[in-house]
N, C-alpha and C. Protein backbone atom coordinates (compact mmCIF):
# COMPACT_ATOMS: atom_id res chain seq x y z
N MET A 1 24.13 -17.49 -52.25
CA MET A 1 22.70 -17.21 -52.33
C MET A 1 21.97 -17.96 -51.21
N PRO A 2 21.12 -17.29 -50.43
CA PRO A 2 20.42 -17.97 -49.34
C PRO A 2 19.58 -19.14 -49.85
N GLN A 3 19.62 -20.24 -49.10
CA GLN A 3 18.87 -21.43 -49.46
C GLN A 3 17.51 -21.43 -48.79
N PRO A 4 16.47 -21.90 -49.46
CA PRO A 4 15.15 -21.97 -48.81
C PRO A 4 15.18 -22.91 -47.61
N LEU A 5 14.64 -22.44 -46.50
CA LEU A 5 14.57 -23.22 -45.27
C LEU A 5 13.18 -23.06 -44.68
N VAL A 6 12.49 -24.17 -44.47
CA VAL A 6 11.16 -24.17 -43.88
C VAL A 6 11.28 -24.69 -42.45
N LEU A 7 10.76 -23.90 -41.50
CA LEU A 7 10.82 -24.24 -40.09
C LEU A 7 9.42 -24.60 -39.59
N LEU A 8 9.34 -25.69 -38.85
CA LEU A 8 8.05 -26.18 -38.35
C LEU A 8 8.01 -26.05 -36.82
N PRO A 9 7.09 -25.26 -36.28
CA PRO A 9 7.02 -25.08 -34.83
C PRO A 9 6.40 -26.27 -34.12
N GLY A 10 6.55 -26.28 -32.81
CA GLY A 10 5.96 -27.33 -32.00
C GLY A 10 4.53 -27.01 -31.59
N LEU A 11 4.01 -27.83 -30.72
CA LEU A 11 2.64 -27.70 -30.22
C LEU A 11 2.41 -26.33 -29.60
N LEU A 12 1.34 -25.65 -30.05
CA LEU A 12 0.94 -24.35 -29.53
C LEU A 12 2.02 -23.29 -29.67
N LEU A 13 2.87 -23.44 -30.68
CA LEU A 13 3.91 -22.46 -30.96
C LEU A 13 3.73 -21.95 -32.39
N ASP A 14 4.18 -20.71 -32.63
CA ASP A 14 4.03 -20.12 -33.96
C ASP A 14 5.37 -19.56 -34.42
N ASP A 15 5.34 -18.59 -35.33
CA ASP A 15 6.60 -18.09 -35.89
C ASP A 15 7.48 -17.39 -34.85
N ALA A 16 6.90 -16.98 -33.71
CA ALA A 16 7.71 -16.36 -32.66
C ALA A 16 8.74 -17.34 -32.11
N LEU A 17 8.45 -18.63 -32.16
CA LEU A 17 9.42 -19.63 -31.72
C LEU A 17 10.74 -19.48 -32.44
N TRP A 18 10.69 -19.16 -33.72
CA TRP A 18 11.86 -19.12 -34.58
C TRP A 18 12.37 -17.70 -34.82
N ALA A 19 11.97 -16.74 -33.99
CA ALA A 19 12.35 -15.35 -34.23
C ALA A 19 13.87 -15.16 -34.23
N HIS A 20 14.55 -15.80 -33.30
CA HIS A 20 16.01 -15.66 -33.22
C HIS A 20 16.67 -16.22 -34.48
N GLN A 21 16.24 -17.40 -34.90
CA GLN A 21 16.82 -18.01 -36.11
C GLN A 21 16.50 -17.18 -37.35
N THR A 22 15.29 -16.69 -37.43
CA THR A 22 14.90 -15.88 -38.59
C THR A 22 15.76 -14.63 -38.69
N ALA A 23 16.06 -14.02 -37.54
CA ALA A 23 16.86 -12.80 -37.54
C ALA A 23 18.33 -13.05 -37.84
N HIS A 24 18.87 -14.16 -37.32
CA HIS A 24 20.32 -14.36 -37.37
C HIS A 24 20.78 -15.26 -38.51
N LEU A 25 19.87 -15.93 -39.18
CA LEU A 25 20.25 -16.79 -40.30
C LEU A 25 19.84 -16.20 -41.64
N ALA A 26 19.45 -14.94 -41.64
CA ALA A 26 18.92 -14.33 -42.87
C ALA A 26 19.93 -14.33 -44.01
N ASP A 27 21.22 -14.22 -43.69
CA ASP A 27 22.25 -14.22 -44.75
C ASP A 27 22.45 -15.60 -45.35
N ALA A 28 22.12 -16.64 -44.59
CA ALA A 28 22.39 -18.01 -45.05
C ALA A 28 21.15 -18.71 -45.57
N ALA A 29 19.98 -18.25 -45.17
CA ALA A 29 18.76 -18.98 -45.51
C ALA A 29 17.60 -18.04 -45.78
N ASP A 30 16.78 -18.43 -46.73
CA ASP A 30 15.52 -17.74 -47.02
C ASP A 30 14.45 -18.49 -46.23
N ILE A 31 14.08 -17.96 -45.07
CA ILE A 31 13.32 -18.72 -44.08
C ILE A 31 11.83 -18.48 -44.22
N THR A 32 11.09 -19.58 -44.14
CA THR A 32 9.64 -19.56 -44.04
C THR A 32 9.25 -20.38 -42.81
N VAL A 33 8.37 -19.85 -41.98
CA VAL A 33 7.84 -20.61 -40.85
C VAL A 33 6.45 -21.11 -41.24
N ALA A 34 6.30 -22.42 -41.24
CA ALA A 34 5.04 -23.02 -41.69
C ALA A 34 3.95 -22.82 -40.65
N ASP A 35 2.73 -22.77 -41.13
CA ASP A 35 1.54 -22.69 -40.28
C ASP A 35 1.01 -24.10 -40.06
N LEU A 36 1.11 -24.59 -38.83
CA LEU A 36 0.61 -25.93 -38.50
C LEU A 36 -0.67 -25.86 -37.68
N SER A 37 -1.43 -24.81 -37.87
CA SER A 37 -2.61 -24.57 -37.02
C SER A 37 -3.92 -25.01 -37.65
N ARG A 38 -3.91 -25.52 -38.89
CA ARG A 38 -5.18 -25.75 -39.57
C ARG A 38 -5.63 -27.21 -39.58
N ALA A 39 -4.70 -28.14 -39.60
CA ALA A 39 -5.06 -29.55 -39.76
C ALA A 39 -5.16 -30.26 -38.41
N ASP A 40 -5.93 -31.36 -38.39
CA ASP A 40 -6.03 -32.15 -37.17
C ASP A 40 -5.46 -33.55 -37.37
N ASP A 41 -4.62 -33.71 -38.41
CA ASP A 41 -3.84 -34.94 -38.56
C ASP A 41 -2.52 -34.60 -39.23
N MET A 42 -1.54 -35.49 -39.09
CA MET A 42 -0.20 -35.21 -39.61
C MET A 42 -0.18 -35.14 -41.14
N ALA A 43 -1.00 -35.95 -41.77
CA ALA A 43 -1.05 -35.91 -43.23
C ALA A 43 -1.49 -34.53 -43.72
N GLY A 44 -2.50 -33.96 -43.05
CA GLY A 44 -2.97 -32.63 -43.42
C GLY A 44 -1.94 -31.56 -43.12
N MET A 45 -1.25 -31.67 -41.98
CA MET A 45 -0.18 -30.71 -41.69
C MET A 45 0.88 -30.74 -42.77
N ALA A 46 1.30 -31.94 -43.18
CA ALA A 46 2.34 -32.05 -44.20
C ALA A 46 1.87 -31.47 -45.53
N ARG A 47 0.61 -31.70 -45.87
CA ARG A 47 0.09 -31.12 -47.12
C ARG A 47 0.12 -29.60 -47.05
N ASP A 48 -0.23 -29.03 -45.89
CA ASP A 48 -0.18 -27.58 -45.74
C ASP A 48 1.25 -27.06 -45.90
N VAL A 49 2.21 -27.76 -45.32
CA VAL A 49 3.61 -27.37 -45.45
C VAL A 49 4.03 -27.38 -46.90
N LEU A 50 3.74 -28.46 -47.59
CA LEU A 50 4.17 -28.62 -48.98
C LEU A 50 3.49 -27.62 -49.90
N ALA A 51 2.25 -27.29 -49.62
CA ALA A 51 1.53 -26.35 -50.48
C ALA A 51 2.14 -24.95 -50.42
N ALA A 52 2.71 -24.59 -49.26
CA ALA A 52 3.26 -23.24 -49.09
C ALA A 52 4.77 -23.17 -49.30
N ALA A 53 5.42 -24.32 -49.41
CA ALA A 53 6.88 -24.35 -49.46
C ALA A 53 7.40 -24.14 -50.88
N PRO A 54 8.67 -23.72 -51.01
CA PRO A 54 9.31 -23.68 -52.33
C PRO A 54 9.40 -25.09 -52.93
N ARG A 55 9.79 -25.14 -54.18
CA ARG A 55 9.87 -26.45 -54.86
C ARG A 55 10.87 -27.37 -54.17
N ARG A 56 12.02 -26.82 -53.78
CA ARG A 56 13.04 -27.58 -53.06
C ARG A 56 13.46 -26.76 -51.83
N PHE A 57 13.65 -27.40 -50.71
CA PHE A 57 13.90 -26.65 -49.48
C PHE A 57 14.54 -27.55 -48.43
N ALA A 58 15.29 -26.93 -47.52
CA ALA A 58 15.71 -27.60 -46.30
C ALA A 58 14.57 -27.50 -45.29
N LEU A 59 14.52 -28.46 -44.37
CA LEU A 59 13.37 -28.57 -43.47
C LEU A 59 13.86 -28.84 -42.05
N ALA A 60 13.31 -28.11 -41.09
CA ALA A 60 13.62 -28.35 -39.67
C ALA A 60 12.34 -28.30 -38.87
N GLY A 61 12.17 -29.27 -37.97
CA GLY A 61 10.97 -29.31 -37.13
C GLY A 61 11.31 -29.59 -35.69
N LEU A 62 10.64 -28.85 -34.79
CA LEU A 62 10.81 -29.03 -33.35
C LEU A 62 9.62 -29.80 -32.79
N SER A 63 9.88 -30.89 -32.09
CA SER A 63 8.85 -31.63 -31.37
C SER A 63 7.69 -32.00 -32.30
N MET A 64 6.49 -31.45 -32.12
CA MET A 64 5.40 -31.75 -33.05
C MET A 64 5.79 -31.40 -34.48
N GLY A 65 6.56 -30.33 -34.66
CA GLY A 65 7.04 -30.00 -36.00
C GLY A 65 7.91 -31.09 -36.58
N GLY A 66 8.62 -31.83 -35.72
CA GLY A 66 9.39 -32.97 -36.20
C GLY A 66 8.50 -34.10 -36.66
N TYR A 67 7.37 -34.32 -35.97
CA TYR A 67 6.42 -35.34 -36.44
C TYR A 67 5.92 -34.97 -37.84
N ALA A 68 5.60 -33.67 -38.01
CA ALA A 68 5.12 -33.21 -39.31
C ALA A 68 6.22 -33.32 -40.37
N ALA A 69 7.48 -33.05 -39.97
CA ALA A 69 8.59 -33.17 -40.91
C ALA A 69 8.74 -34.61 -41.40
N LEU A 70 8.58 -35.58 -40.51
CA LEU A 70 8.66 -36.98 -40.92
C LEU A 70 7.53 -37.33 -41.89
N GLU A 71 6.36 -36.72 -41.69
CA GLU A 71 5.26 -36.94 -42.64
C GLU A 71 5.56 -36.30 -43.98
N VAL A 72 6.17 -35.11 -43.98
CA VAL A 72 6.62 -34.50 -45.24
C VAL A 72 7.57 -35.44 -45.98
N MET A 73 8.46 -36.08 -45.23
CA MET A 73 9.42 -37.00 -45.86
C MET A 73 8.72 -38.22 -46.45
N ARG A 74 7.59 -38.60 -45.88
CA ARG A 74 6.82 -39.69 -46.49
C ARG A 74 6.13 -39.23 -47.76
N GLN A 75 5.61 -38.01 -47.75
CA GLN A 75 4.80 -37.54 -48.89
C GLN A 75 5.64 -37.04 -50.05
N ALA A 76 6.73 -36.34 -49.77
CA ALA A 76 7.49 -35.70 -50.86
C ALA A 76 8.98 -35.62 -50.52
N PRO A 77 9.64 -36.76 -50.33
CA PRO A 77 11.06 -36.72 -49.95
C PRO A 77 11.95 -36.06 -50.99
N GLU A 78 11.53 -36.09 -52.25
CA GLU A 78 12.35 -35.52 -53.32
C GLU A 78 12.44 -34.00 -53.24
N ARG A 79 11.57 -33.37 -52.46
CA ARG A 79 11.59 -31.91 -52.35
C ARG A 79 12.49 -31.39 -51.23
N VAL A 80 12.90 -32.28 -50.34
CA VAL A 80 13.67 -31.87 -49.15
C VAL A 80 15.16 -32.10 -49.39
N THR A 81 15.94 -31.03 -49.29
CA THR A 81 17.38 -31.13 -49.54
C THR A 81 18.16 -31.52 -48.30
N LYS A 82 17.72 -31.04 -47.13
CA LYS A 82 18.35 -31.34 -45.85
C LYS A 82 17.25 -31.36 -44.79
N LEU A 83 17.51 -32.09 -43.70
CA LEU A 83 16.49 -32.27 -42.68
C LEU A 83 17.11 -32.11 -41.30
N ALA A 84 16.42 -31.40 -40.41
CA ALA A 84 16.81 -31.34 -39.00
C ALA A 84 15.61 -31.74 -38.14
N LEU A 85 15.83 -32.70 -37.28
CA LEU A 85 14.80 -33.20 -36.37
C LEU A 85 15.23 -32.82 -34.96
N ILE A 86 14.48 -31.92 -34.33
CA ILE A 86 14.90 -31.28 -33.08
C ILE A 86 13.95 -31.69 -31.96
N ASP A 87 14.50 -32.38 -30.96
CA ASP A 87 13.70 -32.82 -29.81
C ASP A 87 12.37 -33.40 -30.24
N THR A 88 12.45 -34.43 -31.04
CA THR A 88 11.25 -35.07 -31.55
C THR A 88 11.41 -36.58 -31.44
N SER A 89 10.47 -37.32 -31.95
CA SER A 89 10.50 -38.77 -31.84
C SER A 89 9.88 -39.38 -33.08
N ALA A 90 10.37 -40.57 -33.44
CA ALA A 90 9.80 -41.28 -34.58
C ALA A 90 8.70 -42.25 -34.15
N ARG A 91 8.59 -42.49 -32.86
CA ARG A 91 7.62 -43.47 -32.41
C ARG A 91 6.28 -42.80 -32.09
N PRO A 92 5.20 -43.57 -32.03
CA PRO A 92 3.91 -42.99 -31.61
C PRO A 92 3.89 -42.79 -30.10
N ASP A 93 2.84 -42.13 -29.62
CA ASP A 93 2.68 -41.94 -28.19
C ASP A 93 2.56 -43.27 -27.45
N THR A 94 3.03 -43.29 -26.21
CA THR A 94 2.72 -44.38 -25.31
C THR A 94 1.30 -44.20 -24.79
N PRO A 95 0.68 -45.24 -24.24
CA PRO A 95 -0.65 -45.07 -23.65
C PRO A 95 -0.68 -43.98 -22.58
N GLU A 96 0.38 -43.87 -21.77
CA GLU A 96 0.42 -42.84 -20.74
C GLU A 96 0.43 -41.44 -21.35
N GLN A 97 1.20 -41.25 -22.41
CA GLN A 97 1.24 -39.95 -23.08
C GLN A 97 -0.13 -39.60 -23.67
N THR A 98 -0.78 -40.59 -24.26
CA THR A 98 -2.10 -40.35 -24.84
C THR A 98 -3.11 -39.97 -23.76
N ARG A 99 -3.07 -40.65 -22.62
CA ARG A 99 -3.98 -40.31 -21.52
C ARG A 99 -3.75 -38.88 -21.05
N ARG A 100 -2.49 -38.49 -20.95
CA ARG A 100 -2.19 -37.13 -20.50
C ARG A 100 -2.70 -36.11 -21.51
N ARG A 101 -2.48 -36.36 -22.79
CA ARG A 101 -2.96 -35.43 -23.82
C ARG A 101 -4.48 -35.32 -23.77
N ARG A 102 -5.16 -36.44 -23.62
CA ARG A 102 -6.62 -36.39 -23.56
C ARG A 102 -7.10 -35.59 -22.36
N GLY A 103 -6.35 -35.67 -21.25
CA GLY A 103 -6.70 -34.86 -20.09
C GLY A 103 -6.59 -33.37 -20.38
N PHE A 104 -5.52 -32.96 -21.07
CA PHE A 104 -5.37 -31.56 -21.45
C PHE A 104 -6.47 -31.12 -22.42
N VAL A 105 -6.81 -32.00 -23.36
CA VAL A 105 -7.88 -31.68 -24.31
C VAL A 105 -9.20 -31.50 -23.58
N ASP A 106 -9.49 -32.37 -22.61
CA ASP A 106 -10.72 -32.23 -21.83
C ASP A 106 -10.76 -30.89 -21.09
N LEU A 107 -9.63 -30.47 -20.52
CA LEU A 107 -9.59 -29.17 -19.85
C LEU A 107 -9.90 -28.04 -20.83
N ALA A 108 -9.31 -28.12 -22.03
CA ALA A 108 -9.55 -27.08 -23.03
C ALA A 108 -11.02 -27.04 -23.42
N ARG A 109 -11.63 -28.20 -23.57
CA ARG A 109 -13.04 -28.25 -23.97
C ARG A 109 -13.97 -27.78 -22.85
N GLN A 110 -13.48 -27.80 -21.62
CA GLN A 110 -14.27 -27.31 -20.49
C GLN A 110 -14.10 -25.80 -20.29
N GLY A 111 -13.40 -25.15 -21.22
CA GLY A 111 -13.19 -23.72 -21.11
C GLY A 111 -12.06 -23.34 -20.19
N ARG A 112 -11.17 -24.27 -19.87
CA ARG A 112 -10.06 -24.01 -18.95
C ARG A 112 -8.73 -23.98 -19.70
N PHE A 113 -8.77 -23.47 -20.91
CA PHE A 113 -7.58 -23.46 -21.76
C PHE A 113 -6.43 -22.66 -21.16
N ARG A 114 -6.71 -21.55 -20.50
CA ARG A 114 -5.65 -20.71 -19.95
C ARG A 114 -4.87 -21.43 -18.85
N GLY A 115 -5.49 -22.47 -18.28
CA GLY A 115 -4.79 -23.24 -17.27
C GLY A 115 -3.92 -24.34 -17.83
N VAL A 116 -3.99 -24.57 -19.14
CA VAL A 116 -3.22 -25.66 -19.72
C VAL A 116 -1.76 -25.28 -19.89
N THR A 117 -1.50 -24.11 -20.41
CA THR A 117 -0.13 -23.75 -20.74
C THR A 117 0.82 -23.78 -19.54
N PRO A 118 0.48 -23.23 -18.38
CA PRO A 118 1.39 -23.35 -17.23
C PRO A 118 1.71 -24.80 -16.87
N ARG A 119 0.76 -25.69 -17.06
CA ARG A 119 1.01 -27.10 -16.75
C ARG A 119 1.94 -27.73 -17.77
N LEU A 120 1.97 -27.21 -18.97
CA LEU A 120 2.85 -27.74 -20.01
C LEU A 120 4.26 -27.18 -19.94
N LEU A 121 4.45 -26.03 -19.30
CA LEU A 121 5.76 -25.37 -19.34
C LEU A 121 6.92 -26.26 -18.92
N PRO A 122 6.80 -27.06 -17.86
CA PRO A 122 7.93 -27.91 -17.50
C PRO A 122 8.31 -28.93 -18.58
N LEU A 123 7.40 -29.22 -19.51
CA LEU A 123 7.73 -30.11 -20.62
C LEU A 123 8.48 -29.38 -21.73
N TYR A 124 8.36 -28.06 -21.78
CA TYR A 124 9.01 -27.26 -22.81
C TYR A 124 10.37 -26.74 -22.38
N VAL A 125 10.51 -26.41 -21.10
CA VAL A 125 11.57 -25.52 -20.65
C VAL A 125 12.47 -26.23 -19.63
N HIS A 126 13.78 -26.02 -19.76
CA HIS A 126 14.74 -26.54 -18.79
C HIS A 126 14.41 -25.96 -17.41
N PRO A 127 14.56 -26.75 -16.33
CA PRO A 127 14.22 -26.24 -14.99
C PRO A 127 14.89 -24.92 -14.64
N ASP A 128 16.11 -24.73 -15.11
CA ASP A 128 16.82 -23.48 -14.80
C ASP A 128 16.23 -22.27 -15.50
N ARG A 129 15.38 -22.50 -16.51
CA ARG A 129 14.80 -21.39 -17.27
C ARG A 129 13.34 -21.13 -16.92
N LEU A 130 12.79 -21.90 -15.99
CA LEU A 130 11.38 -21.71 -15.65
C LEU A 130 11.12 -20.37 -14.97
N GLU A 131 12.18 -19.77 -14.42
CA GLU A 131 12.04 -18.45 -13.82
C GLU A 131 12.36 -17.32 -14.81
N ASP A 132 12.64 -17.68 -16.06
CA ASP A 132 12.90 -16.68 -17.10
C ASP A 132 11.55 -16.14 -17.58
N ALA A 133 11.16 -15.01 -17.05
CA ALA A 133 9.82 -14.47 -17.31
C ALA A 133 9.59 -14.20 -18.78
N ALA A 134 10.60 -13.65 -19.49
CA ALA A 134 10.43 -13.32 -20.90
C ALA A 134 10.21 -14.58 -21.73
N LEU A 135 10.99 -15.61 -21.46
CA LEU A 135 10.84 -16.86 -22.20
C LEU A 135 9.48 -17.49 -21.96
N CYS A 136 9.10 -17.61 -20.70
CA CYS A 136 7.81 -18.24 -20.38
C CYS A 136 6.64 -17.41 -20.91
N GLU A 137 6.78 -16.08 -20.86
CA GLU A 137 5.72 -15.22 -21.40
C GLU A 137 5.58 -15.39 -22.91
N SER A 138 6.70 -15.53 -23.61
CA SER A 138 6.64 -15.75 -25.06
C SER A 138 5.90 -17.04 -25.38
N ILE A 139 6.21 -18.10 -24.66
CA ILE A 139 5.53 -19.38 -24.89
C ILE A 139 4.04 -19.26 -24.59
N THR A 140 3.72 -18.61 -23.48
CA THR A 140 2.32 -18.43 -23.09
C THR A 140 1.56 -17.60 -24.12
N GLN A 141 2.18 -16.53 -24.62
CA GLN A 141 1.52 -15.68 -25.61
C GLN A 141 1.28 -16.43 -26.92
N GLN A 142 2.23 -17.25 -27.33
CA GLN A 142 2.03 -18.03 -28.55
C GLN A 142 0.82 -18.96 -28.38
N ALA A 143 0.73 -19.61 -27.22
CA ALA A 143 -0.39 -20.50 -26.97
C ALA A 143 -1.71 -19.75 -26.98
N GLU A 144 -1.72 -18.56 -26.38
CA GLU A 144 -2.96 -17.77 -26.34
C GLU A 144 -3.36 -17.30 -27.73
N ARG A 145 -2.37 -16.96 -28.56
CA ARG A 145 -2.69 -16.54 -29.94
C ARG A 145 -3.35 -17.69 -30.71
N LEU A 146 -2.85 -18.88 -30.52
CA LEU A 146 -3.38 -20.01 -31.28
C LEU A 146 -4.73 -20.47 -30.73
N GLY A 147 -4.88 -20.51 -29.43
CA GLY A 147 -6.18 -20.74 -28.83
C GLY A 147 -6.57 -22.20 -28.68
N PRO A 148 -7.71 -22.43 -28.01
CA PRO A 148 -8.11 -23.79 -27.64
C PRO A 148 -8.46 -24.68 -28.83
N ASP A 149 -9.07 -24.12 -29.88
CA ASP A 149 -9.44 -24.96 -31.01
C ASP A 149 -8.20 -25.53 -31.70
N VAL A 150 -7.17 -24.71 -31.85
CA VAL A 150 -5.92 -25.19 -32.45
C VAL A 150 -5.26 -26.21 -31.52
N PHE A 151 -5.30 -25.95 -30.22
CA PHE A 151 -4.73 -26.89 -29.26
C PHE A 151 -5.37 -28.27 -29.40
N VAL A 152 -6.68 -28.32 -29.46
CA VAL A 152 -7.38 -29.59 -29.59
C VAL A 152 -7.02 -30.27 -30.91
N ALA A 153 -7.00 -29.49 -32.01
CA ALA A 153 -6.66 -30.06 -33.32
C ALA A 153 -5.24 -30.61 -33.33
N GLN A 154 -4.30 -29.85 -32.77
CA GLN A 154 -2.91 -30.30 -32.79
C GLN A 154 -2.72 -31.53 -31.90
N GLN A 155 -3.33 -31.53 -30.73
CA GLN A 155 -3.21 -32.72 -29.88
C GLN A 155 -3.83 -33.94 -30.56
N THR A 156 -4.93 -33.74 -31.27
CA THR A 156 -5.54 -34.84 -32.01
C THR A 156 -4.58 -35.38 -33.06
N ALA A 157 -3.91 -34.48 -33.77
CA ALA A 157 -2.93 -34.89 -34.77
C ALA A 157 -1.77 -35.65 -34.15
N VAL A 158 -1.28 -35.16 -33.02
CA VAL A 158 -0.15 -35.80 -32.35
C VAL A 158 -0.54 -37.19 -31.85
N MET A 159 -1.71 -37.31 -31.25
CA MET A 159 -2.15 -38.62 -30.75
C MET A 159 -2.35 -39.63 -31.88
N GLY A 160 -2.73 -39.16 -33.04
CA GLY A 160 -3.00 -40.05 -34.16
C GLY A 160 -1.84 -40.26 -35.12
N ARG A 161 -0.66 -39.72 -34.78
CA ARG A 161 0.45 -39.80 -35.72
C ARG A 161 0.91 -41.25 -35.90
N PRO A 162 1.43 -41.57 -37.09
CA PRO A 162 1.89 -42.94 -37.33
C PRO A 162 3.24 -43.21 -36.69
N ASP A 163 3.56 -44.46 -36.59
CA ASP A 163 4.89 -44.90 -36.15
C ASP A 163 5.85 -44.69 -37.32
N SER A 164 6.83 -43.81 -37.13
CA SER A 164 7.76 -43.47 -38.21
C SER A 164 9.08 -44.21 -38.13
N ARG A 165 9.25 -45.08 -37.16
CA ARG A 165 10.55 -45.71 -36.96
C ARG A 165 11.02 -46.50 -38.18
N HIS A 166 10.08 -47.16 -38.83
CA HIS A 166 10.47 -47.98 -39.98
C HIS A 166 10.66 -47.17 -41.25
N ASP A 167 10.32 -45.88 -41.20
CA ASP A 167 10.51 -45.02 -42.37
C ASP A 167 11.87 -44.32 -42.36
N LEU A 168 12.59 -44.40 -41.25
CA LEU A 168 13.83 -43.63 -41.13
C LEU A 168 14.87 -44.07 -42.16
N SER A 169 14.94 -45.35 -42.43
CA SER A 169 15.98 -45.84 -43.35
C SER A 169 15.75 -45.37 -44.78
N ALA A 170 14.53 -44.89 -45.09
CA ALA A 170 14.25 -44.40 -46.44
C ALA A 170 14.66 -42.93 -46.61
N ILE A 171 15.00 -42.25 -45.52
CA ILE A 171 15.40 -40.84 -45.61
C ILE A 171 16.84 -40.77 -46.08
N ASP A 172 17.05 -40.17 -47.23
CA ASP A 172 18.37 -40.21 -47.88
C ASP A 172 19.07 -38.86 -47.93
N CYS A 173 18.43 -37.80 -47.42
CA CYS A 173 19.08 -36.49 -47.42
C CYS A 173 19.91 -36.33 -46.14
N PRO A 174 20.89 -35.43 -46.13
CA PRO A 174 21.64 -35.18 -44.90
C PRO A 174 20.69 -34.77 -43.77
N THR A 175 20.85 -35.42 -42.60
CA THR A 175 19.90 -35.23 -41.50
C THR A 175 20.65 -34.95 -40.20
N LEU A 176 20.23 -33.89 -39.54
CA LEU A 176 20.76 -33.52 -38.23
C LEU A 176 19.71 -33.85 -37.18
N VAL A 177 20.12 -34.60 -36.16
CA VAL A 177 19.24 -34.94 -35.03
C VAL A 177 19.75 -34.18 -33.81
N VAL A 178 18.90 -33.32 -33.23
CA VAL A 178 19.28 -32.48 -32.10
C VAL A 178 18.39 -32.84 -30.91
N CYS A 179 19.01 -33.09 -29.75
CA CYS A 179 18.26 -33.47 -28.56
C CYS A 179 18.73 -32.64 -27.36
N GLY A 180 17.80 -32.04 -26.65
CA GLY A 180 18.13 -31.42 -25.38
C GLY A 180 18.34 -32.50 -24.33
N ARG A 181 19.46 -32.48 -23.66
CA ARG A 181 19.78 -33.56 -22.73
C ARG A 181 18.89 -33.58 -21.50
N GLN A 182 18.22 -32.46 -21.22
CA GLN A 182 17.32 -32.41 -20.07
C GLN A 182 15.85 -32.38 -20.50
N ASP A 183 15.57 -32.81 -21.73
CA ASP A 183 14.19 -32.95 -22.16
C ASP A 183 13.51 -33.99 -21.27
N LEU A 184 12.40 -33.61 -20.62
CA LEU A 184 11.74 -34.52 -19.70
C LEU A 184 11.07 -35.69 -20.41
N GLU A 185 10.88 -35.59 -21.72
CA GLU A 185 10.27 -36.70 -22.45
C GLU A 185 11.32 -37.40 -23.31
N ARG A 186 12.47 -37.63 -22.75
CA ARG A 186 13.51 -38.30 -23.52
C ARG A 186 13.09 -39.72 -23.80
N ASP A 187 13.21 -40.35 -24.65
CA ASP A 187 13.27 -41.38 -25.62
C ASP A 187 13.82 -40.59 -26.75
N ARG A 188 12.80 -39.71 -27.30
CA ARG A 188 13.15 -38.91 -28.43
C ARG A 188 13.96 -39.75 -29.39
N PHE A 189 14.98 -39.21 -30.03
CA PHE A 189 15.77 -40.03 -30.95
C PHE A 189 16.95 -40.63 -30.21
N ARG A 190 16.83 -41.85 -29.75
CA ARG A 190 17.97 -42.51 -29.12
C ARG A 190 19.02 -42.82 -30.19
N ARG A 191 20.25 -43.04 -29.72
CA ARG A 191 21.35 -43.26 -30.66
C ARG A 191 21.07 -44.44 -31.58
N LYS A 192 20.56 -45.54 -31.02
CA LYS A 192 20.32 -46.73 -31.82
C LYS A 192 19.32 -46.44 -32.93
N ARG A 193 18.27 -45.68 -32.60
CA ARG A 193 17.24 -45.40 -33.60
C ARG A 193 17.76 -44.44 -34.66
N SER A 194 18.54 -43.44 -34.25
CA SER A 194 19.03 -42.47 -35.23
C SER A 194 19.99 -43.12 -36.22
N ARG A 195 20.56 -44.27 -35.87
CA ARG A 195 21.45 -44.95 -36.81
C ARG A 195 20.72 -45.43 -38.05
N ARG A 196 19.40 -45.53 -37.98
CA ARG A 196 18.64 -45.93 -39.16
C ARG A 196 18.68 -44.87 -40.25
N LEU A 197 18.98 -43.63 -39.86
CA LEU A 197 19.12 -42.55 -40.84
C LEU A 197 20.47 -42.71 -41.54
N ARG A 198 20.46 -42.74 -42.86
CA ARG A 198 21.68 -43.05 -43.60
C ARG A 198 22.74 -41.97 -43.50
N ARG A 199 22.32 -40.71 -43.54
CA ARG A 199 23.28 -39.60 -43.60
C ARG A 199 22.97 -38.66 -42.44
N ARG A 200 23.39 -39.07 -41.25
CA ARG A 200 22.95 -38.40 -40.04
C ARG A 200 24.13 -37.78 -39.30
N ARG A 201 23.79 -36.78 -38.49
CA ARG A 201 24.67 -36.25 -37.46
C ARG A 201 23.80 -35.99 -36.25
N ARG A 202 24.29 -36.36 -35.08
CA ARG A 202 23.48 -36.23 -33.86
C ARG A 202 24.20 -35.32 -32.88
N ILE A 203 23.43 -34.38 -32.28
CA ILE A 203 23.98 -33.43 -31.32
C ILE A 203 23.10 -33.44 -30.07
N GLY A 204 23.73 -33.59 -28.90
CA GLY A 204 23.02 -33.44 -27.64
C GLY A 204 23.39 -32.11 -27.01
N LEU A 205 22.39 -31.32 -26.61
CA LEU A 205 22.62 -30.00 -26.05
C LEU A 205 22.51 -30.05 -24.53
N ALA A 206 23.64 -29.81 -23.85
CA ALA A 206 23.64 -29.80 -22.39
C ALA A 206 22.92 -28.55 -21.88
N GLY A 207 22.29 -28.69 -20.72
CA GLY A 207 21.60 -27.55 -20.13
C GLY A 207 20.40 -27.10 -20.92
N SER A 208 19.78 -28.04 -21.63
CA SER A 208 18.67 -27.67 -22.51
C SER A 208 17.51 -28.64 -22.31
N GLY A 209 16.29 -28.08 -22.19
CA GLY A 209 15.09 -28.89 -22.22
C GLY A 209 14.68 -29.07 -23.66
N ARG A 210 13.42 -28.85 -23.94
CA ARG A 210 13.00 -28.96 -25.32
C ARG A 210 13.14 -27.62 -26.01
């Protein structure tokens, strides 16, 4: 019987991010893609996830979705049967990351939102895939569907997220940590930090950005 699986997209991404998984894992999982477009803090995102999720479910989050997944684990760990943290981090932003995010937010508030997504693409996509028109168009279309107000809200949530490093040892469900080896924002889950997870498996994907 398919198991409930809730997927959490990253910044400015929606259910299209998970289209391949939704199509190819249908026999193994009853998949729901959460809507992370309404809240402007991680606590609110997690509440939205939990309100729409089954009573018990496996959970996977990419990047910002991983931050939200860690907040779900703080709020209702008893509801999560398995966890996957994909190209994400348990630590808060560095001052440099916060300054960069604020710059993107300022551009969006100036009505220059369409110029933000091309500048973000190298943070999402492996250099070898930047010429993949279909992939880049999908990412761009997801961003355009969500729009500038969601972008500002999500960046606000990401900048204000708590430090989750000390919460990792409390996560007791089986946990998969996946990292693209060419992610330009690597820290992500370093080996030493992932050891704080009691029941973990870690995979590095060669030839992969975020």
